[in-house]
C-alpha atoms as a PDB file:
ATOM      1  CA  MET A   1       0.000   0.000   0.000  1.00  0.00           C
ATOM      2  CA  THR A   2       1.336   3.423  -0.939  1.00  0.00           C
ATOM      3  CA  LYS A   3       1.861   5.716   2.030  1.00  0.00           C
ATOM      4  CA  THR A   4       0.611   9.251   1.456  1.00  0.00           C
ATOM      5  CA  ILE A   5       2.132  12.240   3.238  1.00  0.00           C
ATOM      6  CA  LEU A   6       0.536  15.656   3.495  1.00  0.00           C
ATOM      7  CA  ALA A   7       3.025  18.552   3.471  1.00  0.00           C
ATOM      8  CA  SER A   8       1.288  21.669   4.783  1.00  0.00           C
ATOM      9  CA  LEU A   9       2.925  24.753   3.250  1.00  0.00           C
ATOM     10  CA  SER A  10       2.371  28.173   4.780  1.00  0.00           C
ATOM     11  CA  GLY A  11       4.174  30.261   2.179  1.00  0.00           C
ATOM     12  CA  LEU A  12       6.736  31.260   4.804  1.00  0.00           C
ATOM     13  CA  SER A  13      10.410  30.444   5.343  1.00  0.00           C
ATOM     14  CA  SER A  14       9.585  27.123   7.032  1.00  0.00           C
ATOM     15  CA  ASP A  15       8.281  25.553   3.815  1.00  0.00           C
ATOM     16  CA  ARG A  16      11.658  24.206   2.762  1.00  0.00           C
ATOM     17  CA  SER A  17      12.063  22.411   6.071  1.00  0.00           C
ATOM     18  CA  VAL A  18       8.536  20.963   5.777  1.00  0.00           C
ATOM     19  CA  LEU A  19       9.288  19.674   2.283  1.00  0.00           C
ATOM     20  CA  GLU A  20      12.689  18.223   3.200  1.00  0.00           C
ATOM     21  CA  SER A  21      11.137  16.489   6.223  1.00  0.00           C
ATOM     22  CA  ALA A  22       8.347  15.088   4.048  1.00  0.00           C
ATOM     23  CA  VAL A  23      10.897  13.799   1.531  1.00  0.00           C
ATOM     24  CA  ALA A  24      12.992  12.235   4.315  1.00  0.00           C
ATOM     25  CA  ALA A  25       9.883  10.510   5.693  1.00  0.00           C
ATOM     26  CA  ALA A  26       8.878   9.276   2.244  1.00  0.00           C
ATOM     27  CA  GLN A  27      12.359   7.866   1.641  1.00  0.00           C
ATOM     28  CA  ILE A  28      11.902   5.410   4.524  1.00  0.00           C
ATOM     29  CA  GLU A  29       9.618   3.129   2.501  1.00  0.00           C
ATOM     30  CA  GLY A  30       8.467   5.150  -0.505  1.00  0.00           C
ATOM     31  CA  GLY A  31       5.343   7.244  -0.709  1.00  0.00           C
ATOM     32  CA  HIS A  32       3.389  10.067  -2.294  1.00  0.00           C
ATOM     33  CA  ILE A  33       3.755  13.621  -0.972  1.00  0.00           C
ATOM     34  CA  GLN A  34       0.712  15.839  -1.348  1.00  0.00           C
ATOM     35  CA  CYS A  35       1.734  19.464  -0.884  1.00  0.00           C
ATOM     36  CA  LEU A  36      -1.022  21.809   0.223  1.00  0.00           C
ATOM     37  CA  HIS A  37      -0.980  25.585   0.348  1.00  0.00           C
ATOM     38  CA  THR A  38      -4.095  27.477   1.385  1.00  0.00           C
ATOM     39  CA  ARG A  39      -4.602  31.077   0.386  1.00  0.00           C
ATOM     40  CA  ILE A  40      -6.703  33.180   2.694  1.00  0.00           C
ATOM     41  CA  ASP A  41      -9.774  34.438   0.885  1.00  0.00           C
ATOM     42  CA  ALA A  42      -9.485  38.220   1.177  1.00  0.00           C
ATOM     43  CA  VAL A  43     -13.233  38.917   1.153  1.00  0.00           C
ATOM     44  CA  GLU A  44     -13.958  36.179   3.683  1.00  0.00           C
ATOM     45  CA  ALA A  45     -11.085  37.379   5.872  1.00  0.00           C
ATOM     46  CA  ALA A  46     -12.450  40.914   5.775  1.00  0.00           C
ATOM     47  CA  GLY A  47     -15.802  39.667   7.013  1.00  0.00           C
ATOM     48  CA  VAL A  48     -14.307  37.570   9.788  1.00  0.00           C
ATOM     49  CA  LEU A  49     -11.977  40.334  10.940  1.00  0.00           C
ATOM     50  CA  GLY A  50     -14.687  42.957  10.842  1.00  0.00           C
ATOM     51  CA  LEU A  51     -13.024  45.097   8.210  1.00  0.00           C
ATOM     52  CA  SER A  52     -16.378  46.285   6.901  1.00  0.00           C
ATOM     53  CA  SER A  53     -16.491  48.945   9.607  1.00  0.00           C
ATOM     54  CA  PRO A  54     -16.948  52.481   8.204  1.00  0.00           C
ATOM     55  CA  ARG A  55     -13.746  53.475   9.966  1.00  0.00           C
ATOM     56  CA  VAL A  56     -11.713  50.941   7.999  1.00  0.00           C
ATOM     57  CA  ASP A  57     -10.539  51.447   4.408  1.00  0.00           C
ATOM     58  CA  LEU A  58     -12.028  48.201   3.109  1.00  0.00           C
ATOM     59  CA  HIS A  59     -10.516  48.444  -0.382  1.00  0.00           C
ATOM     60  CA  SER A  60      -7.030  49.043   0.976  1.00  0.00           C
ATOM     61  CA  SER A  61      -7.362  46.205   3.482  1.00  0.00           C
ATOM     62  CA  LEU A  62      -8.578  43.734   0.874  1.00  0.00           C
ATOM     63  CA  GLN A  63      -5.745  44.731  -1.460  1.00  0.00           C
ATOM     64  CA  GLN A  64      -3.165  44.285   1.295  1.00  0.00           C
ATOM     65  CA  ILE A  65      -4.464  40.817   2.187  1.00  0.00           C
ATOM     66  CA  ALA A  66      -4.565  39.789  -1.478  1.00  0.00           C
ATOM     67  CA  GLU A  67      -0.993  40.964  -2.106  1.00  0.00           C
ATOM     68  CA  GLN A  68       0.306  39.185   0.977  1.00  0.00           C
ATOM     69  CA  GLU A  69      -1.422  35.943  -0.014  1.00  0.00           C
ATOM     70  CA  GLU A  70      -0.072  36.205  -3.571  1.00  0.00           C
ATOM     71  CA  LYS A  71       3.449  36.550  -2.174  1.00  0.00           C
ATOM     72  CA  ARG A  72       3.000  33.525   0.104  1.00  0.00           C
ATOM     73  CA  SER A  73       1.594  31.485  -2.744  1.00  0.00           C
ATOM     74  CA  ARG A  74       4.639  32.227  -4.917  1.00  0.00           C
ATOM     75  CA  HIS A  75       6.982  31.328  -2.065  1.00  0.00           C
ATOM     76  CA  ALA A  76       5.210  28.016  -1.406  1.00  0.00           C
ATOM     77  CA  TRP A  77       5.297  27.104  -5.106  1.00  0.00           C
ATOM     78  CA  GLN A  78       8.972  28.029  -5.441  1.00  0.00           C
ATOM     79  CA  ALA A  79       9.861  25.850  -2.445  1.00  0.00           C
ATOM     80  CA  PHE A  80       7.843  22.979  -3.931  1.00  0.00           C
ATOM     81  CA  ASP A  81       9.467  23.366  -7.351  1.00  0.00           C
ATOM     82  CA  GLU A  82      12.982  23.656  -5.915  1.00  0.00           C
ATOM     83  CA  VAL A  83      12.774  20.604  -3.654  1.00  0.00           C
ATOM     84  CA  SER A  84      11.052  18.366  -6.207  1.00  0.00           C
ATOM     85  CA  LYS A  85      13.683  19.206  -8.838  1.00  0.00           C
ATOM     86  CA  ARG A  86      16.648  18.874  -6.482  1.00  0.00           C
ATOM     87  CA  HIS A  87      15.553  15.401  -5.399  1.00  0.00           C
ATOM     88  CA  ALA A  88      14.391  14.475  -8.931  1.00  0.00           C
ATOM     89  CA  ILE A  89      10.964  13.505  -7.614  1.00  0.00           C
ATOM     90  CA  ALA A  90       8.254  12.724 -10.152  1.00  0.00           C
ATOM     91  CA  VAL A  91       5.412  15.252 -10.040  1.00  0.00           C
ATOM     92  CA  LEU A  92       2.259  13.132 -10.310  1.00  0.00           C
ATOM     93  CA  GLY A  93      -1.374  13.890  -9.597  1.00  0.00           C
ATOM     94  CA  THR A  94      -1.849  10.470  -8.020  1.00  0.00           C
ATOM     95  CA  PRO A  95       0.560   8.092  -6.238  1.00  0.00           C
ATOM     96  CA  GLY A  96       2.909   6.147  -8.466  1.00  0.00           C
ATOM     97  CA  ASP A  97       4.900   3.003  -7.727  1.00  0.00           C
ATOM     98  CA  GLY A  98       4.747   2.349  -3.982  1.00  0.00           C
ATOM     99  CA  ALA A  99       8.512   1.781  -3.827  1.00  0.00           C
ATOM    100  CA  SER A 100       9.322   5.213  -5.263  1.00  0.00           C
ATOM    101  CA  ILE A 101       8.531   8.783  -4.241  1.00  0.00           C
ATOM    102  CA  SER A 102       6.132  11.069  -6.066  1.00  0.00           C
ATOM    103  CA  ILE A 103       4.889  14.555  -5.262  1.00  0.00           C
ATOM    104  CA  ALA A 104       1.917  16.766  -6.124  1.00  0.00           C
ATOM    105  CA  TRP A 105       0.877  20.405  -5.697  1.00  0.00           C
ATOM    106  CA  LYS A 106      -2.497  21.612  -4.487  1.00  0.00           C
ATOM    107  CA  GLU A 107      -3.686  25.098  -3.621  1.00  0.00           C
ATOM    108  CA  ASN A 108      -6.993  25.973  -1.963  1.00  0.00           C
ATOM    109  CA  GLN A 109      -8.582  29.286  -1.147  1.00  0.00           C
ATOM    110  CA  SER A 110     -10.247  29.412   2.241  1.00  0.00           C
ATOM    111  CA  PHE A 111     -10.161  31.016   5.658  1.00  0.00           C
ATOM    112  CA  LEU A 112     -10.498  27.620   7.351  1.00  0.00           C
ATOM    113  CA  ASN A 113      -7.773  25.209   8.473  1.00  0.00           C
ATOM    114  CA  GLU A 114      -7.659  23.118   5.303  1.00  0.00           C
ATOM    115  CA  SER A 115      -4.685  21.149   6.645  1.00  0.00           C
ATOM    116  CA  LEU A 116      -6.965  19.641   9.299  1.00  0.00           C
ATOM    117  CA  ASN A 117      -9.529  18.602   6.702  1.00  0.00           C
ATOM    118  CA  GLU A 118      -6.899  17.079   4.410  1.00  0.00           C
ATOM    119  CA  ALA A 119      -4.876  15.409   7.186  1.00  0.00           C
ATOM    120  CA  ARG A 120      -7.578  12.813   7.828  1.00  0.00           C
ATOM    121  CA  TYR A 121      -7.035  11.378   4.336  1.00  0.00           C
ATOM    122  CA  HIS A 122      -3.261  10.886   4.675  1.00  0.00           C
ATOM    123  CA  ASN A 123      -1.016   8.541   6.632  1.00  0.00           C
ATOM    124  CA  LEU A 124       1.132  11.387   7.952  1.00  0.00           C
ATOM    125  CA  THR A 125       0.994  15.183   8.017  1.00  0.00           C
ATOM    126  CA  VAL A 126       4.105  17.373   8.086  1.00  0.00           C
ATOM    127  CA  MET A 127       3.891  20.910   9.489  1.00  0.00           C
ATOM    128  CA  ALA A 128       6.266  23.509  10.907  1.00  0.00           C
ATOM    129  CA  ARG A 129       6.123  26.070  13.676  1.00  0.00           C
ATOM    130  CA  ASP A 130       5.672  29.531  12.190  1.00  0.00           C
ATOM    131  CA  GLU A 131       5.999  32.475  14.537  1.00  0.00           C
ATOM    132  CA  GLU A 132       3.862  34.568  12.206  1.00  0.00           C
ATOM    133  CA  LEU A 133       0.931  32.123  12.458  1.00  0.00           C
ATOM    134  CA  SER A 134      -1.179  30.883  15.349  1.00  0.00           C
ATOM    135  CA  SER A 135      -0.011  27.621  16.938  1.00  0.00           C
ATOM    136  CA  GLU A 136      -3.666  26.534  16.965  1.00  0.00           C
ATOM    137  CA  ARG A 137      -3.333  25.370  13.342  1.00  0.00           C
ATOM    138  CA  ILE A 138      -0.825  22.727  14.473  1.00  0.00           C
ATOM    139  CA  VAL A 139      -2.646  21.856  17.688  1.00  0.00           C
ATOM    140  CA  SER A 140      -5.929  21.259  15.863  1.00  0.00           C
ATOM    141  CA  VAL A 141      -4.300  18.889  13.352  1.00  0.00           C
ATOM    142  CA  LEU A 142      -2.550  17.032  16.160  1.00  0.00           C
ATOM    143  CA  MET A 143      -5.580  16.703  18.399  1.00  0.00           C
ATOM    144  CA  ARG A 144      -8.410  16.376  15.881  1.00  0.00           C
ATOM    145  CA  SER A 145      -7.136  14.719  12.706  1.00  0.00           C
ATOM    146  CA  GLY A 146      -6.768  11.202  14.110  1.00  0.00           C
ATOM    147  CA  ARG A 147      -3.487  10.909  12.191  1.00  0.00           C
ATOM    148  CA  PRO A 148       0.175  11.223  13.178  1.00  0.00           C
ATOM    149  CA  LEU A 149       1.862  14.603  12.834  1.00  0.00           C
ATOM    150  CA  LEU A 150       5.508  15.219  12.006  1.00  0.00           C
ATOM    151  CA  ILE A 151       6.734  18.609  13.210  1.00  0.00           C
ATOM    152  CA  ALA A 152       9.602  19.799  11.027  1.00  0.00           C
ATOM    153  CA  PRO A 153      12.544  21.512  12.758  1.00  0.00           C
ATOM    154  CA  ALA A 154      13.700  25.020  11.903  1.00  0.00           C
ATOM    155  CA  LYS A 155      16.605  23.711   9.818  1.00  0.00           C
ATOM    156  CA  PRO A 156      15.912  21.247   6.970  1.00  0.00           C
ATOM    157  CA  VAL A 157      16.930  17.639   7.555  1.00  0.00           C
ATOM    158  CA  GLY A 158      18.576  15.285   5.101  1.00  0.00           C
ATOM    159  CA  VAL A 159      18.027  11.949   6.825  1.00  0.00           C
ATOM    160  CA  MET A 160      15.283  10.755   9.128  1.00  0.00           C
ATOM    161  CA  GLY A 161      14.461   7.465  10.802  1.00  0.00           C
ATOM    162  CA  LYS A 162      17.946   5.970  10.935  1.00  0.00           C
ATOM    163  CA  LYS A 163      18.389   6.643  14.653  1.00  0.00           C
ATOM    164  CA  VAL A 164      15.053   6.943  16.430  1.00  0.00           C
ATOM    165  CA  ALA A 165      14.401   8.024  20.021  1.00  0.00           C
ATOM    166  CA  ILE A 166      11.101   7.072  21.689  1.00  0.00           C
ATOM    167  CA  ALA A 167       9.742   9.137  24.583  1.00  0.00           C
ATOM    168  CA  TRP A 168       8.141   6.396  26.630  1.00  0.00           C
ATOM    169  CA  LYS A 169       5.584   6.437  29.406  1.00  0.00           C
ATOM    170  CA  ALA A 170       3.153   3.596  30.109  1.00  0.00           C
ATOM    171  CA  THR A 171       0.162   5.471  28.674  1.00  0.00           C
ATOM    172  CA  ALA A 172      -2.279   4.964  25.817  1.00  0.00           C
ATOM    173  CA  GLU A 173      -0.860   8.004  23.996  1.00  0.00           C
ATOM    174  CA  ALA A 174       2.697   6.635  23.994  1.00  0.00           C
ATOM    175  CA  ALA A 175       1.466   3.198  22.912  1.00  0.00           C
ATOM    176  CA  ARG A 176      -0.443   4.707  19.983  1.00  0.00           C
ATOM    177  CA  ALA A 177       2.655   6.644  18.948  1.00  0.00           C
ATOM    178  CA  LEU A 178       4.706   3.439  18.791  1.00  0.00           C
ATOM    179  CA  THR A 179       2.060   1.710  16.700  1.00  0.00           C
ATOM    180  CA  ALA A 180       1.849   4.633  14.265  1.00  0.00           C
ATOM    181  CA  ALA A 181       5.655   4.800  13.991  1.00  0.00           C
ATOM    182  CA  SER A 182       6.109   1.056  13.454  1.00  0.00           C
ATOM    183  CA  PHE A 183       6.987   1.552   9.770  1.00  0.00           C
ATOM    184  CA  ILE A 184       9.871   3.784  10.886  1.00  0.00           C
ATOM    185  CA  LEU A 185      11.061   1.618  13.781  1.00  0.00           C
ATOM    186  CA  SER A 186      11.167  -1.546  11.665  1.00  0.00           C
ATOM    187  CA  ARG A 187      13.690   0.106   9.322  1.00  0.00           C
ATOM    188  CA  ALA A 188      15.736   2.059  11.863  1.00  0.00           C
ATOM    189  CA  GLU A 189      19.395   1.242  12.382  1.00  0.00           C
ATOM    190  CA  ARG A 190      19.182   2.198  16.050  1.00  0.00           C
ATOM    191  CA  VAL A 191      16.270   2.658  18.483  1.00  0.00           C
ATOM    192  CA  VAL A 192      16.567   4.221  21.937  1.00  0.00           C
ATOM    193  CA  ILE A 193      13.752   4.255  24.499  1.00  0.00           C
ATOM    194  CA  LEU A 194      13.882   7.370  26.672  1.00  0.00           C
ATOM    195  CA  SER A 195      12.176   7.673  30.042  1.00  0.00           C
ATOM    196  CA  VAL A 196      12.156  10.437  32.647  1.00  0.00           C
ATOM    197  CA  SER A 197      11.481   9.146  36.144  1.00  0.00           C
ATOM    198  CA  GLU A 198      10.968  10.542  39.607  1.00  0.00           C
ATOM    199  CA  ASP A 199      10.765   7.089  41.198  1.00  0.00           C
ATOM    200  CA  ALA A 200      12.965   6.329  44.176  1.00  0.00           C
ATOM    201  CA  ALA A 201      15.695   3.708  43.911  1.00  0.00           C
ATOM    202  CA  GLY A 202      14.224   0.243  44.199  1.00  0.00           C
ATOM    203  CA  GLU A 203      10.789   1.444  43.073  1.00  0.00           C
ATOM    204  CA  ASP A 204      11.759   2.215  39.498  1.00  0.00           C
ATOM    205  CA  ARG A 205       8.490   1.520  37.711  1.00  0.00           C
ATOM    206  CA  ASP A 206       9.428   3.712  34.755  1.00  0.00           C
ATOM    207  CA  ARG A 207      12.633   1.786  34.063  1.00  0.00           C
ATOM    208  CA  PHE A 208      10.804  -1.528  34.360  1.00  0.00           C
ATOM    209  CA  SER A 209       8.185  -0.271  31.912  1.00  0.00           C
ATOM    210  CA  ALA A 210      10.811   0.943  29.438  1.00  0.00           C
ATOM    211  CA  GLU A 211      12.693  -2.355  29.645  1.00  0.00           C
ATOM    212  CA  GLN A 212       9.471  -4.279  29.110  1.00  0.00           C
ATOM    213  CA  MET A 213       8.810  -2.253  25.971  1.00  0.00           C
ATOM    214  CA  ALA A 214      12.365  -2.946  24.774  1.00  0.00           C
ATOM    215  CA  ARG A 215      11.701  -6.694  25.165  1.00  0.00           C
ATOM    216  CA  GLN A 216       8.426  -6.341  23.293  1.00  0.00           C
ATOM    217  CA  LEU A 217      10.171  -4.576  20.415  1.00  0.00           C
ATOM    218  CA  ALA A 218      12.883  -7.253  20.389  1.00  0.00           C
ATOM    219  CA  TRP A 219      10.187  -9.874  19.723  1.00  0.00           C
ATOM    220  CA  GLN A 220       9.332  -7.849  16.627  1.00  0.00           C
ATOM    221  CA  GLY A 221      12.953  -7.857  15.500  1.00  0.00           C
ATOM    222  CA  ILE A 222      13.651  -4.301  16.697  1.00  0.00           C
ATOM    223  CA  LYS A 223      16.642  -4.017  19.021  1.00  0.00           C
ATOM    224  CA  ALA A 224      16.204  -1.105  21.414  1.00  0.00           C
ATOM    225  CA  GLU A 225      18.253   0.231  24.307  1.00  0.00           C
ATOM    226  CA  VAL A 226      16.908   2.099  27.324  1.00  0.00           C
ATOM    227  CA  ARG A 227      18.112   5.458  28.617  1.00  0.00           C
ATOM    228  CA  MET A 228      16.824   6.984  31.846  1.00  0.00           C
ATOM    229  CA  SER A 229      16.817  10.430  33.427  1.00  0.00           C
ATOM    230  CA  TYR A 230      16.058  10.728  37.141  1.00  0.00           C
ATOM    231  CA  SER A 231      14.567  13.883  38.691  1.00  0.00           C
ATOM    232  CA  PRO A 232      16.124  16.172  36.070  1.00  0.00           C
ATOM    233  CA  LEU A 233      16.904  19.779  36.927  1.00  0.00           C
ATOM    234  CA  VAL A 234      15.321  20.807  33.627  1.00  0.00           C
ATOM    235  CA  SER A 235      11.776  20.165  32.395  1.00  0.00           C
ATOM    236  CA  THR A 236      10.703  16.683  31.356  1.00  0.00           C
ATOM    237  CA  SER A 237      10.556  17.736  27.719  1.00  0.00           C
ATOM    238  CA  GLN A 238      14.049  19.244  27.845  1.00  0.00           C
ATOM    239  CA  ALA A 239      15.394  16.106  29.545  1.00  0.00           C
ATOM    240  CA  LEU A 240      13.915  13.990  26.743  1.00  0.00           C
ATOM    241  CA  VAL A 241      15.336  16.233  24.045  1.00  0.00           C
ATOM    242  CA  ASP A 242      18.753  16.287  25.743  1.00  0.00           C
ATOM    243  CA  MET A 243      18.820  12.468  25.876  1.00  0.00           C
ATOM    244  CA  ALA A 244      17.714  12.305  22.242  1.00  0.00           C
ATOM    245  CA  TYR A 245      20.589  14.629  21.278  1.00  0.00           C
ATOM    246  CA  ASP A 246      23.047  12.581  23.337  1.00  0.00           C
ATOM    247  CA  SER A 247      21.804   9.471  21.540  1.00  0.00           C
ATOM    248  CA  ASP A 248      22.479  11.163  18.187  1.00  0.00           C
ATOM    249  CA  ALA A 249      18.848  10.591  17.233  1.00  0.00           C
ATOM    250  CA  ASP A 250      17.459  12.063  14.015  1.00  0.00           C
ATOM    251  CA  LEU A 251      13.806  11.684  15.089  1.00  0.00           C
ATOM    252  CA  LEU A 252      11.859  11.796  18.356  1.00  0.00           C
ATOM    253  CA  VAL A 253       8.647   9.750  18.624  1.00  0.00           C
ATOM    254  CA  THR A 254       6.166  10.701  21.340  1.00  0.00           C
ATOM    255  CA  GLY A 255       2.523  10.545  22.284  1.00  0.00           C
ATOM    256  CA  ALA A 256       0.581  13.806  22.398  1.00  0.00           C
ATOM    257  CA  TYR A 257      -1.088  14.613  25.687  1.00  0.00           C
ATOM    258  CA  GLY A 258      -4.123  16.794  26.223  1.00  0.00           C
ATOM    259  CA  HIS A 259      -4.179  20.101  28.033  1.00  0.00           C
ATOM    260  CA  SER A 260      -6.197  19.207  31.127  1.00  0.00           C
ATOM    261  CA  ARG A 261      -4.463  19.770  34.447  1.00  0.00           C
ATOM    262  CA  MET A 262      -4.344  16.033  35.193  1.00  0.00           C
ATOM    263  CA  ARG A 263      -2.674  15.178  31.907  1.00  0.00           C
ATOM    264  CA  GLU A 264      -0.170  18.006  32.295  1.00  0.00           C
ATOM    265  CA  MET A 265       0.797  16.536  35.668  1.00  0.00           C
ATOM    266  CA  ILE A 266       1.221  13.073  34.148  1.00  0.00           C
ATOM    267  CA  PHE A 267       3.827  14.065  31.593  1.00  0.00           C
ATOM    268  CA  GLY A 268       5.031  17.502  32.653  1.00  0.00           C
ATOM    269  CA  GLY A 269       3.615  19.430  29.710  1.00  0.00           C
ATOM    270  CA  VAL A 270       5.934  17.681  27.244  1.00  0.00           C
ATOM    271  CA  THR A 271       3.461  18.091  24.381  1.00  0.00           C
ATOM    272  CA  ARG A 272       3.200  21.836  24.878  1.00  0.00           C
ATOM    273  CA  ASP A 273       6.967  22.257  25.104  1.00  0.00           C
ATOM    274  CA  LEU A 274       7.784  20.082  22.096  1.00  0.00           C
ATOM    275  CA  LEU A 275       5.170  21.911  20.048  1.00  0.00           C
ATOM    276  CA  SER A 276       6.921  25.175  20.811  1.00  0.00           C
ATOM    277  CA  ALA A 277      10.532  24.180  20.159  1.00  0.00           C
ATOM    278  CA  SER A 278      12.773  21.258  19.209  1.00  0.00           C
ATOM    279  CA  ALA A 279      15.751  21.105  16.877  1.00  0.00           C
ATOM    280  CA  LEU A 280      14.799  17.498  16.084  1.00  0.00           C
ATOM    281  CA  PRO A 281      11.889  16.385  13.906  1.00  0.00           C
ATOM    282  CA  VAL A 282       9.121  15.242  16.276  1.00  0.00           C
ATOM    283  CA  PHE A 283       6.677  12.458  15.339  1.00  0.00           C
ATOM    284  CA  MET A 284       3.530  12.909  17.451  1.00  0.00           C
ATOM    285  CA  VAL A 285       0.237  11.044  17.797  1.00  0.00           C
ATOM    286  CA  ARG A 286      -2.780  11.927  19.903  1.00  0.00           C
END
C-alpha cells in the first residue's frame, strides 16, 4: 500500500524544512507527498476580521491581504518546485509506484484550516512552527485529525528514521505513537527508548516499563536500548530532548497529551513544550 504524506505549506520560510522532512519521511519506505498551500480568501477574511467597519478602508485592506497571499503562494510554489527538482521527484497527480517517491501540488482558497480537513485522508501530516501564524493550526491537526503529525525543525533535515528516540511512558498516547511509527522503527538502524522518572531507587516503575517495551520490540525484530533520566533539573521535555541529542537521534517519537491539568501533571507538559521548540523532527500522535 502506498503511504501518502501531506506537506502543509504556509508560504513562509519554514516551507523548505517541511518539504525536506516530508521527503525524508517518504524515503523510509516510498510514498506520495501531497503538498497543500491554502490562500486566505481576502473577502472572507475581511468579514471575519470585521473590516467592513466604516472606519476601515475596506478596499485598501482587501488589497493588502490579497498581495500578501499572492506573495506567500509564490513562495510556497517556489519551495515545492525547488525541492522536487533537487531530489528528482516525479510530479504526479496520483501516487505512483509504492517503492518510489512522487509529489503533487495543491492550492486551496479558504479562511479555514484546510490542513486539518486534508490530514484525515493521509497517513502522515508534516507541518512547521511559524511564529507569524497561530499555533492553533498545528494543535488542531494534532488533536483532531486522528493521524500522526511530524513537526519539522527550523533547519531542513537530510536523513530521518535511521536513529530513532522514543519518549516512553506507560500510557495509551505513547502506545499509539509506537504503533503509528512502526513503519519507521522496523527500518531504523538504532532505536533508543527514553524515560524520565521521579521514582525512588528500588521502586523504578518507569525503568521496568521501558525495559518491558524494549523486550516487546525485540520480539518484533527491533533491538532497542533504554536510557533513563532521574529527577532532572530541567523540564521533562528538555530532559527527553537532551537524551535524544546525546543518543544522536534524528527523530523523536512521542505521544501527544491533552491540556487538562491532570494530563499536564502526568507528563510535565511535554506536548506543549515540544510543540513550541525542538531542533529534532518530532513524530507525534494523539
